[in-house]
Amino acid sequence: MEKLYHIDFDDSHGAKYALLPGDPGRVEQIASNLDNPRFFHQNREYTAWVGYLRGERVLVMSTGMGGPSTAIAVEELYKTGVNTFIRVGTCGGMADEVKGGDMVIANAAIRMEGTSREYVPIEFPAVANLEVTNALIKAAEQNNSRHHTGIVQCKDSFYGQHDPERQPAGYELLNKWSAWMKAGCLASEMESAALYIVAQILRARAGCALHVVWNKDREKKGLSNPQSHDTSKVSKVAADAVSILIEQDLKKQYKR
């Protein structure tokens, strides 16, 4: 096949599973959880490494920040043969019980962004694949990682969240933030909704594991607000989840 326009590579990687951080700088660190990892390709915000788990090739590729570049990454990787995607990202905690250093496994996302609206009307939910979510939960438990499973808010504007009073649309941002909090939203990030919607349209599998950097809402309430920037645990959990999925998929093939 021809190389895809944005990621600039074809199906020669041979992987069906992909781990997707936003930051190109974290690709190599995540790939270190694979067997025989090696650099594969780099173009634009898309840096890719490839390795093995249980004998199966696994791709690690950055998506950049936000929905548009994430959607492009999923669309083009799917064309090269990838059918299972796990976002390995960071987030800010929202619920009181979510602290810096914890992990959030997002089983669904609030679609407060624009990319997914160009795929399907807003009434359609952004939901993770159940097999992928269960594999992430199992991997987190096996690694004794403190984790929470639930809904996250997916946004387009980082500073819209962190400085809403400065924005002309701040009244709407603040009101909706309050609604998400009252409804039990766990955390906020910027890529999950696009990932879930695009994967659903393509009939692919997708999940999301997030390292919590901090929780500003705990700080506002006078609670402790530990900060953590070490993403090694969530990277290990995501890789272990892929290993679990590969084992399950091989058993399905054997039964056939």
C-alpha atoms as a PDB file:
ATOM      1  CA  MET A   1       0.000   0.000   0.000  1.00  0.00           C
ATOM      2  CA  GLU A   2       0.986   3.644  -0.345  1.00  0.00           C
ATOM      3  CA  LYS A   3       2.234   5.584   2.664  1.00  0.00           C
ATOM      4  CA  LEU A   4      -0.514   7.439   4.524  1.00  0.00           C
ATOM      5  CA  TYR A   5      -0.375  11.214   4.151  1.00  0.00           C
ATOM      6  CA  HIS A   6       0.047  12.325   7.790  1.00  0.00           C
ATOM      7  CA  ILE A   7       1.769   9.431   9.561  1.00  0.00           C
ATOM      8  CA  ASP A   8       3.918   8.842   6.448  1.00  0.00           C
ATOM      9  CA  PHE A   9       4.168   5.062   6.659  1.00  0.00           C
ATOM     10  CA  ASP A  10       2.390   1.995   5.329  1.00  0.00           C
ATOM     11  CA  ASP A  11       1.393  -1.385   6.758  1.00  0.00           C
ATOM     12  CA  SER A  12       4.952  -2.728   6.944  1.00  0.00           C
ATOM     13  CA  HIS A  13       4.925  -2.409  10.765  1.00  0.00           C
ATOM     14  CA  GLY A  14       2.651  -5.472  10.899  1.00  0.00           C
ATOM     15  CA  ALA A  15       0.960  -4.481  14.176  1.00  0.00           C
ATOM     16  CA  LYS A  16      -2.706  -4.903  15.115  1.00  0.00           C
ATOM     17  CA  TYR A  17      -2.303  -3.242  18.524  1.00  0.00           C
ATOM     18  CA  ALA A  18      -1.253   0.347  19.201  1.00  0.00           C
ATOM     19  CA  LEU A  19      -0.418   2.326  22.342  1.00  0.00           C
ATOM     20  CA  LEU A  20      -1.087   6.027  21.812  1.00  0.00           C
ATOM     21  CA  PRO A  21       0.500   8.694  24.033  1.00  0.00           C
ATOM     22  CA  GLY A  22      -0.040  12.307  23.138  1.00  0.00           C
ATOM     23  CA  ASP A  23       3.558  13.395  23.742  1.00  0.00           C
ATOM     24  CA  PRO A  24       6.204  12.232  21.208  1.00  0.00           C
ATOM     25  CA  GLY A  25       8.719  12.444  24.058  1.00  0.00           C
ATOM     26  CA  ARG A  26       7.051   9.547  25.885  1.00  0.00           C
ATOM     27  CA  VAL A  27       7.004   7.075  22.989  1.00  0.00           C
ATOM     28  CA  GLU A  28      10.405   5.529  23.668  1.00  0.00           C
ATOM     29  CA  GLN A  29       9.672   5.156  27.399  1.00  0.00           C
ATOM     30  CA  ILE A  30       6.380   3.374  26.690  1.00  0.00           C
ATOM     31  CA  ALA A  31       8.037   1.193  24.048  1.00  0.00           C
ATOM     32  CA  SER A  32      10.578   0.048  26.660  1.00  0.00           C
ATOM     33  CA  ASN A  33       7.783  -2.153  28.056  1.00  0.00           C
ATOM     34  CA  LEU A  34       7.807  -4.158  24.807  1.00  0.00           C
ATOM     35  CA  ASP A  35      10.222  -6.873  23.721  1.00  0.00           C
ATOM     36  CA  ASN A  36      12.914  -5.758  21.263  1.00  0.00           C
ATOM     37  CA  PRO A  37      11.609  -2.189  20.840  1.00  0.00           C
ATOM     38  CA  ARG A  38      13.002  -0.128  17.978  1.00  0.00           C
ATOM     39  CA  PHE A  39      12.395   3.224  16.369  1.00  0.00           C
ATOM     40  CA  PHE A  40      10.089   2.912  13.371  1.00  0.00           C
ATOM     41  CA  HIS A  41       9.211   6.323  11.935  1.00  0.00           C
ATOM     42  CA  GLN A  42       8.652  10.021  12.651  1.00  0.00           C
ATOM     43  CA  ASN A  43       6.592  12.619  10.789  1.00  0.00           C
ATOM     44  CA  ARG A  44       4.865  15.740  12.136  1.00  0.00           C
ATOM     45  CA  GLU A  45       3.615  14.952  15.653  1.00  0.00           C
ATOM     46  CA  TYR A  46       3.601  11.233  14.911  1.00  0.00           C
ATOM     47  CA  THR A  47       6.643   9.440  16.347  1.00  0.00           C
ATOM     48  CA  ALA A  48       6.415   5.650  16.185  1.00  0.00           C
ATOM     49  CA  TRP A  49       8.290   2.726  17.706  1.00  0.00           C
ATOM     50  CA  VAL A  50       7.515  -0.968  17.266  1.00  0.00           C
ATOM     51  CA  GLY A  51       8.141  -4.010  19.471  1.00  0.00           C
ATOM     52  CA  TYR A  52       6.628  -7.321  20.523  1.00  0.00           C
ATOM     53  CA  LEU A  53       4.357  -8.731  23.222  1.00  0.00           C
ATOM     54  CA  ARG A  54       3.645 -12.470  23.313  1.00  0.00           C
ATOM     55  CA  GLY A  55       5.157 -12.710  19.841  1.00  0.00           C
ATOM     56  CA  GLU A  56       2.746 -10.142  18.370  1.00  0.00           C
ATOM     57  CA  ARG A  57       3.921  -6.830  16.976  1.00  0.00           C
ATOM     58  CA  VAL A  58       2.775  -3.770  18.908  1.00  0.00           C
ATOM     59  CA  LEU A  59       3.070  -0.168  17.737  1.00  0.00           C
ATOM     60  CA  VAL A  60       3.609   2.826  20.004  1.00  0.00           C
ATOM     61  CA  MET A  61       2.805   6.145  18.314  1.00  0.00           C
ATOM     62  CA  SER A  62       2.236   9.669  19.583  1.00  0.00           C
ATOM     63  CA  THR A  63      -0.903  11.512  18.516  1.00  0.00           C
ATOM     64  CA  GLY A  64      -0.068  15.070  19.499  1.00  0.00           C
ATOM     65  CA  MET A  65      -2.468  17.098  21.627  1.00  0.00           C
ATOM     66  CA  GLY A  66      -6.205  17.223  21.046  1.00  0.00           C
ATOM     67  CA  GLY A  67      -8.909  15.556  19.010  1.00  0.00           C
ATOM     68  CA  PRO A  68      -8.038  16.464  15.405  1.00  0.00           C
ATOM     69  CA  SER A  69      -4.564  14.907  15.364  1.00  0.00           C
ATOM     70  CA  THR A  70      -5.805  11.927  17.412  1.00  0.00           C
ATOM     71  CA  ALA A  71      -8.594  11.248  14.917  1.00  0.00           C
ATOM     72  CA  ILE A  72      -6.123  11.400  12.018  1.00  0.00           C
ATOM     73  CA  ALA A  73      -3.797   8.993  13.825  1.00  0.00           C
ATOM     74  CA  VAL A  74      -6.553   6.437  14.429  1.00  0.00           C
ATOM     75  CA  GLU A  75      -7.966   6.757  10.899  1.00  0.00           C
ATOM     76  CA  GLU A  76      -4.581   6.202   9.260  1.00  0.00           C
ATOM     77  CA  LEU A  77      -3.328   3.501  11.638  1.00  0.00           C
ATOM     78  CA  TYR A  78      -6.554   1.590  11.047  1.00  0.00           C
ATOM     79  CA  LYS A  79      -5.841   1.663   7.305  1.00  0.00           C
ATOM     80  CA  THR A  80      -2.449   0.076   8.005  1.00  0.00           C
ATOM     81  CA  GLY A  81      -4.032  -2.832   9.912  1.00  0.00           C
ATOM     82  CA  VAL A  82      -4.281  -1.651  13.538  1.00  0.00           C
ATOM     83  CA  ASN A  83      -7.617  -2.572  15.133  1.00  0.00           C
ATOM     84  CA  THR A  84      -6.981  -2.110  18.874  1.00  0.00           C
ATOM     85  CA  PHE A  85      -6.015   1.257  20.363  1.00  0.00           C
ATOM     86  CA  ILE A  86      -5.117   2.252  23.928  1.00  0.00           C
ATOM     87  CA  ARG A  87      -4.511   5.874  24.781  1.00  0.00           C
ATOM     88  CA  VAL A  88      -1.726   6.199  27.379  1.00  0.00           C
ATOM     89  CA  GLY A  89      -2.100   9.752  28.611  1.00  0.00           C
ATOM     90  CA  THR A  90      -2.206  12.227  31.451  1.00  0.00           C
ATOM     91  CA  CYS A  91      -5.098  14.070  33.030  1.00  0.00           C
ATOM     92  CA  GLY A  92      -6.130  16.433  35.790  1.00  0.00           C
ATOM     93  CA  GLY A  93      -8.274  14.966  38.531  1.00  0.00           C
ATOM     94  CA  MET A  94     -11.741  16.335  39.223  1.00  0.00           C
ATOM     95  CA  ALA A  95     -13.440  14.068  41.772  1.00  0.00           C
ATOM     96  CA  ASP A  96     -12.213  14.411  45.368  1.00  0.00           C
ATOM     97  CA  GLU A  97     -10.978  10.825  45.520  1.00  0.00           C
ATOM     98  CA  VAL A  98      -8.734  11.234  42.454  1.00  0.00           C
ATOM     99  CA  LYS A  99      -5.233  12.341  43.480  1.00  0.00           C
ATOM    100  CA  GLY A 100      -1.991  13.053  41.695  1.00  0.00           C
ATOM    101  CA  GLY A 101      -0.181   9.779  41.062  1.00  0.00           C
ATOM    102  CA  ASP A 102      -3.422   7.797  40.691  1.00  0.00           C
ATOM    103  CA  MET A 103      -4.609   6.230  37.454  1.00  0.00           C
ATOM    104  CA  VAL A 104      -7.949   6.807  35.742  1.00  0.00           C
ATOM    105  CA  ILE A 105      -9.326   4.204  33.345  1.00  0.00           C
ATOM    106  CA  ALA A 106     -11.889   6.024  31.202  1.00  0.00           C
ATOM    107  CA  ASN A 107     -14.858   3.855  30.287  1.00  0.00           C
ATOM    108  CA  ALA A 108     -16.588   6.834  28.631  1.00  0.00           C
ATOM    109  CA  ALA A 109     -15.953  10.484  27.804  1.00  0.00           C
ATOM    110  CA  ILE A 110     -17.976  13.683  27.887  1.00  0.00           C
ATOM    111  CA  ARG A 111     -17.835  15.060  24.345  1.00  0.00           C
ATOM    112  CA  MET A 112     -17.003  18.682  25.151  1.00  0.00           C
ATOM    113  CA  GLU A 113     -14.809  18.960  22.049  1.00  0.00           C
ATOM    114  CA  GLY A 114     -15.317  19.522  18.361  1.00  0.00           C
ATOM    115  CA  THR A 115     -13.716  16.657  16.455  1.00  0.00           C
ATOM    116  CA  SER A 116     -16.234  13.941  17.310  1.00  0.00           C
ATOM    117  CA  ARG A 117     -19.130  16.213  16.301  1.00  0.00           C
ATOM    118  CA  GLU A 118     -17.960  15.941  12.701  1.00  0.00           C
ATOM    119  CA  TYR A 119     -18.394  12.160  12.884  1.00  0.00           C
ATOM    120  CA  VAL A 120     -21.728  11.658  14.657  1.00  0.00           C
ATOM    121  CA  PRO A 121     -24.325  13.880  16.408  1.00  0.00           C
ATOM    122  CA  ILE A 122     -23.642  14.839  20.014  1.00  0.00           C
ATOM    123  CA  GLU A 123     -26.365  12.536  21.372  1.00  0.00           C
ATOM    124  CA  PHE A 124     -24.212   9.497  20.496  1.00  0.00           C
ATOM    125  CA  PRO A 125     -22.014   8.521  23.478  1.00  0.00           C
ATOM    126  CA  ALA A 126     -18.228   8.192  23.447  1.00  0.00           C
ATOM    127  CA  VAL A 127     -17.688   4.821  25.103  1.00  0.00           C
ATOM    128  CA  ALA A 128     -14.630   2.595  25.458  1.00  0.00           C
ATOM    129  CA  ASN A 129     -14.558  -0.995  24.293  1.00  0.00           C
ATOM    130  CA  LEU A 130     -15.460  -3.304  27.192  1.00  0.00           C
ATOM    131  CA  GLU A 131     -12.725  -5.877  26.462  1.00  0.00           C
ATOM    132  CA  VAL A 132     -10.057  -3.190  26.434  1.00  0.00           C
ATOM    133  CA  THR A 133     -11.394  -1.537  29.591  1.00  0.00           C
ATOM    134  CA  ASN A 134     -11.507  -4.847  31.456  1.00  0.00           C
ATOM    135  CA  ALA A 135      -7.954  -5.642  30.347  1.00  0.00           C
ATOM    136  CA  LEU A 136      -6.780  -2.278  31.684  1.00  0.00           C
ATOM    137  CA  ILE A 137      -8.526  -2.866  35.016  1.00  0.00           C
ATOM    138  CA  LYS A 138      -6.998  -6.329  35.304  1.00  0.00           C
ATOM    139  CA  ALA A 139      -3.533  -4.999  34.461  1.00  0.00           C
ATOM    140  CA  ALA A 140      -3.874  -2.179  37.015  1.00  0.00           C
ATOM    141  CA  GLU A 141      -4.861  -4.699  39.687  1.00  0.00           C
ATOM    142  CA  GLN A 142      -1.944  -6.973  38.805  1.00  0.00           C
ATOM    143  CA  ASN A 143       0.438  -4.014  39.138  1.00  0.00           C
ATOM    144  CA  ASN A 144      -1.114  -2.887  42.456  1.00  0.00           C
ATOM    145  CA  SER A 145      -1.772   0.517  40.916  1.00  0.00           C
ATOM    146  CA  ARG A 146      -4.279   2.788  42.654  1.00  0.00           C
ATOM    147  CA  HIS A 147      -6.887   3.370  39.960  1.00  0.00           C
ATOM    148  CA  HIS A 148     -10.408   4.660  39.339  1.00  0.00           C
ATOM    149  CA  THR A 149     -12.734   3.644  36.517  1.00  0.00           C
ATOM    150  CA  GLY A 150     -15.396   6.002  35.197  1.00  0.00           C
ATOM    151  CA  ILE A 151     -16.221   8.983  33.025  1.00  0.00           C
ATOM    152  CA  VAL A 152     -13.764  11.720  32.016  1.00  0.00           C
ATOM    153  CA  GLN A 153     -14.352  15.126  30.484  1.00  0.00           C
ATOM    154  CA  CYS A 154     -12.755  15.623  27.071  1.00  0.00           C
ATOM    155  CA  LYS A 155     -12.135  19.237  26.063  1.00  0.00           C
ATOM    156  CA  ASP A 156     -10.423  21.247  23.339  1.00  0.00           C
ATOM    157  CA  SER A 157      -9.075  24.178  25.373  1.00  0.00           C
ATOM    158  CA  PHE A 158      -6.532  23.583  28.153  1.00  0.00           C
ATOM    159  CA  TYR A 159      -6.624  27.232  29.246  1.00  0.00           C
ATOM    160  CA  GLY A 160     -10.387  27.325  28.936  1.00  0.00           C
ATOM    161  CA  GLN A 161     -10.408  24.894  31.841  1.00  0.00           C
ATOM    162  CA  HIS A 162      -7.604  26.451  33.861  1.00  0.00           C
ATOM    163  CA  ASP A 163      -8.530  30.119  33.377  1.00  0.00           C
ATOM    164  CA  PRO A 164     -12.253  30.157  32.476  1.00  0.00           C
ATOM    165  CA  GLU A 165     -12.926  33.574  34.053  1.00  0.00           C
ATOM    166  CA  ARG A 166     -10.687  35.186  31.419  1.00  0.00           C
ATOM    167  CA  GLN A 167     -12.657  33.704  28.533  1.00  0.00           C
ATOM    168  CA  PRO A 168     -15.685  35.448  26.966  1.00  0.00           C
ATOM    169  CA  ALA A 169     -17.439  32.063  27.137  1.00  0.00           C
ATOM    170  CA  GLY A 170     -16.377  31.568  30.747  1.00  0.00           C
ATOM    171  CA  TYR A 171     -19.957  31.541  32.037  1.00  0.00           C
ATOM    172  CA  GLU A 172     -20.661  28.428  29.975  1.00  0.00           C
ATOM    173  CA  LEU A 173     -17.367  26.748  30.892  1.00  0.00           C
ATOM    174  CA  LEU A 174     -17.953  27.265  34.611  1.00  0.00           C
ATOM    175  CA  ASN A 175     -21.567  26.100  34.517  1.00  0.00           C
ATOM    176  CA  LYS A 176     -20.709  22.933  32.616  1.00  0.00           C
ATOM    177  CA  TRP A 177     -17.705  22.210  34.848  1.00  0.00           C
ATOM    178  CA  SER A 178     -20.029  22.395  37.846  1.00  0.00           C
ATOM    179  CA  ALA A 179     -22.422  19.982  36.130  1.00  0.00           C
ATOM    180  CA  TRP A 180     -19.649  17.481  35.369  1.00  0.00           C
ATOM    181  CA  MET A 181     -18.490  17.636  38.983  1.00  0.00           C
ATOM    182  CA  LYS A 182     -21.985  17.056  40.358  1.00  0.00           C
ATOM    183  CA  ALA A 183     -22.441  14.108  38.001  1.00  0.00           C
ATOM    184  CA  GLY A 184     -19.282  12.386  39.281  1.00  0.00           C
ATOM    185  CA  CYS A 185     -16.815  13.007  36.455  1.00  0.00           C
ATOM    186  CA  LEU A 186     -13.382  11.697  37.496  1.00  0.00           C
ATOM    187  CA  ALA A 187     -10.908  13.720  35.445  1.00  0.00           C
ATOM    188  CA  SER A 188     -10.287  16.010  32.476  1.00  0.00           C
ATOM    189  CA  GLU A 189      -8.154  15.436  29.367  1.00  0.00           C
ATOM    190  CA  MET A 190      -8.191  16.162  25.622  1.00  0.00           C
ATOM    191  CA  GLU A 191      -8.145  13.069  23.390  1.00  0.00           C
ATOM    192  CA  SER A 192     -10.426  10.264  24.606  1.00  0.00           C
ATOM    193  CA  ALA A 193     -13.707  11.351  22.995  1.00  0.00           C
ATOM    194  CA  ALA A 194     -12.232  11.556  19.503  1.00  0.00           C
ATOM    195  CA  LEU A 195     -10.486   8.223  20.009  1.00  0.00           C
ATOM    196  CA  TYR A 196     -13.671   6.472  21.130  1.00  0.00           C
ATOM    197  CA  ILE A 197     -15.934   7.917  18.465  1.00  0.00           C
ATOM    198  CA  VAL A 198     -13.546   7.280  15.578  1.00  0.00           C
ATOM    199  CA  ALA A 199     -12.875   3.741  16.797  1.00  0.00           C
ATOM    200  CA  GLN A 200     -16.620   3.117  17.058  1.00  0.00           C
ATOM    201  CA  ILE A 201     -17.234   4.335  13.508  1.00  0.00           C
ATOM    202  CA  LEU A 202     -14.389   2.128  12.231  1.00  0.00           C
ATOM    203  CA  ARG A 203     -15.611  -0.840  14.340  1.00  0.00           C
ATOM    204  CA  ALA A 204     -12.237  -0.938  16.082  1.00  0.00           C
ATOM    205  CA  ARG A 205     -11.496  -1.393  19.808  1.00  0.00           C
ATOM    206  CA  ALA A 206     -10.319   1.484  21.997  1.00  0.00           C
ATOM    207  CA  GLY A 207      -9.573   2.179  25.637  1.00  0.00           C
ATOM    208  CA  CYS A 208      -7.804   4.799  27.708  1.00  0.00           C
ATOM    209  CA  ALA A 209      -5.538   4.772  30.769  1.00  0.00           C
ATOM    210  CA  LEU A 210      -4.545   8.129  32.268  1.00  0.00           C
ATOM    211  CA  HIS A 211      -1.913   9.176  34.802  1.00  0.00           C
ATOM    212  CA  VAL A 212      -3.275  11.851  37.137  1.00  0.00           C
ATOM    213  CA  VAL A 213      -0.857  14.794  37.331  1.00  0.00           C
ATOM    214  CA  TRP A 214      -2.799  16.768  39.963  1.00  0.00           C
ATOM    215  CA  ASN A 215      -6.285  17.733  41.094  1.00  0.00           C
ATOM    216  CA  LYS A 216      -6.845  21.487  41.190  1.00  0.00           C
ATOM    217  CA  ASP A 217     -10.339  21.029  42.594  1.00  0.00           C
ATOM    218  CA  ARG A 218      -8.923  19.305  45.676  1.00  0.00           C
ATOM    219  CA  GLU A 219      -6.657  22.318  46.124  1.00  0.00           C
ATOM    220  CA  LYS A 220      -9.610  24.725  45.886  1.00  0.00           C
ATOM    221  CA  LYS A 221     -11.322  22.788  48.679  1.00  0.00           C
ATOM    222  CA  GLY A 222      -8.270  23.022  50.929  1.00  0.00           C
ATOM    223  CA  LEU A 223      -7.379  19.348  50.450  1.00  0.00           C
ATOM    224  CA  SER A 224      -3.911  18.021  49.711  1.00  0.00           C
ATOM    225  CA  ASN A 225      -2.927  18.246  46.059  1.00  0.00           C
ATOM    226  CA  PRO A 226       0.079  16.026  45.370  1.00  0.00           C
ATOM    227  CA  GLN A 227       1.642  16.403  41.936  1.00  0.00           C
ATOM    228  CA  SER A 228       3.102  13.518  39.950  1.00  0.00           C
ATOM    229  CA  HIS A 229       4.771  13.553  36.539  1.00  0.00           C
ATOM    230  CA  ASP A 230       6.076   9.967  36.486  1.00  0.00           C
ATOM    231  CA  THR A 231       4.066   8.121  33.828  1.00  0.00           C
ATOM    232  CA  SER A 232       5.987   4.839  34.046  1.00  0.00           C
ATOM    233  CA  LYS A 233       3.184   3.019  35.929  1.00  0.00           C
ATOM    234  CA  VAL A 234       0.448   3.832  33.435  1.00  0.00           C
ATOM    235  CA  SER A 235       2.795   2.852  30.600  1.00  0.00           C
ATOM    236  CA  LYS A 236       3.420  -0.546  32.209  1.00  0.00           C
ATOM    237  CA  VAL A 237      -0.296  -1.081  32.857  1.00  0.00           C
ATOM    238  CA  ALA A 238      -1.201  -0.231  29.254  1.00  0.00           C
ATOM    239  CA  ALA A 239       1.428  -2.614  27.875  1.00  0.00           C
ATOM    240  CA  ASP A 240       0.263  -5.373  30.226  1.00  0.00           C
ATOM    241  CA  ALA A 241      -3.320  -4.763  29.076  1.00  0.00           C
ATOM    242  CA  VAL A 242      -2.244  -5.313  25.465  1.00  0.00           C
ATOM    243  CA  SER A 243      -0.573  -8.541  26.535  1.00  0.00           C
ATOM    244  CA  ILE A 244      -3.842  -9.650  28.150  1.00  0.00           C
ATOM    245  CA  LEU A 245      -5.788  -8.783  24.997  1.00  0.00           C
ATOM    246  CA  ILE A 246      -3.348 -10.672  22.782  1.00  0.00           C
ATOM    247  CA  GLU A 247      -3.744 -13.780  24.945  1.00  0.00           C
ATOM    248  CA  GLN A 248      -7.532 -13.485  24.806  1.00  0.00           C
ATOM    249  CA  ASP A 249      -7.535 -12.914  21.054  1.00  0.00           C
ATOM    250  CA  LEU A 250      -5.321 -15.942  20.449  1.00  0.00           C
ATOM    251  CA  LYS A 251      -7.696 -18.109  22.478  1.00  0.00           C
ATOM    252  CA  LYS A 252     -10.614 -16.873  20.350  1.00  0.00           C
ATOM    253  CA  GLN A 253      -8.747 -17.836  17.177  1.00  0.00           C
ATOM    254  CA  TYR A 254      -7.936 -21.260  18.584  1.00  0.00           C
ATOM    255  CA  LYS A 255     -11.591 -21.948  19.414  1.00  0.00           C
ATOM    256  CA  ARG A 256     -12.589 -21.171  15.835  1.00  0.00           C
END
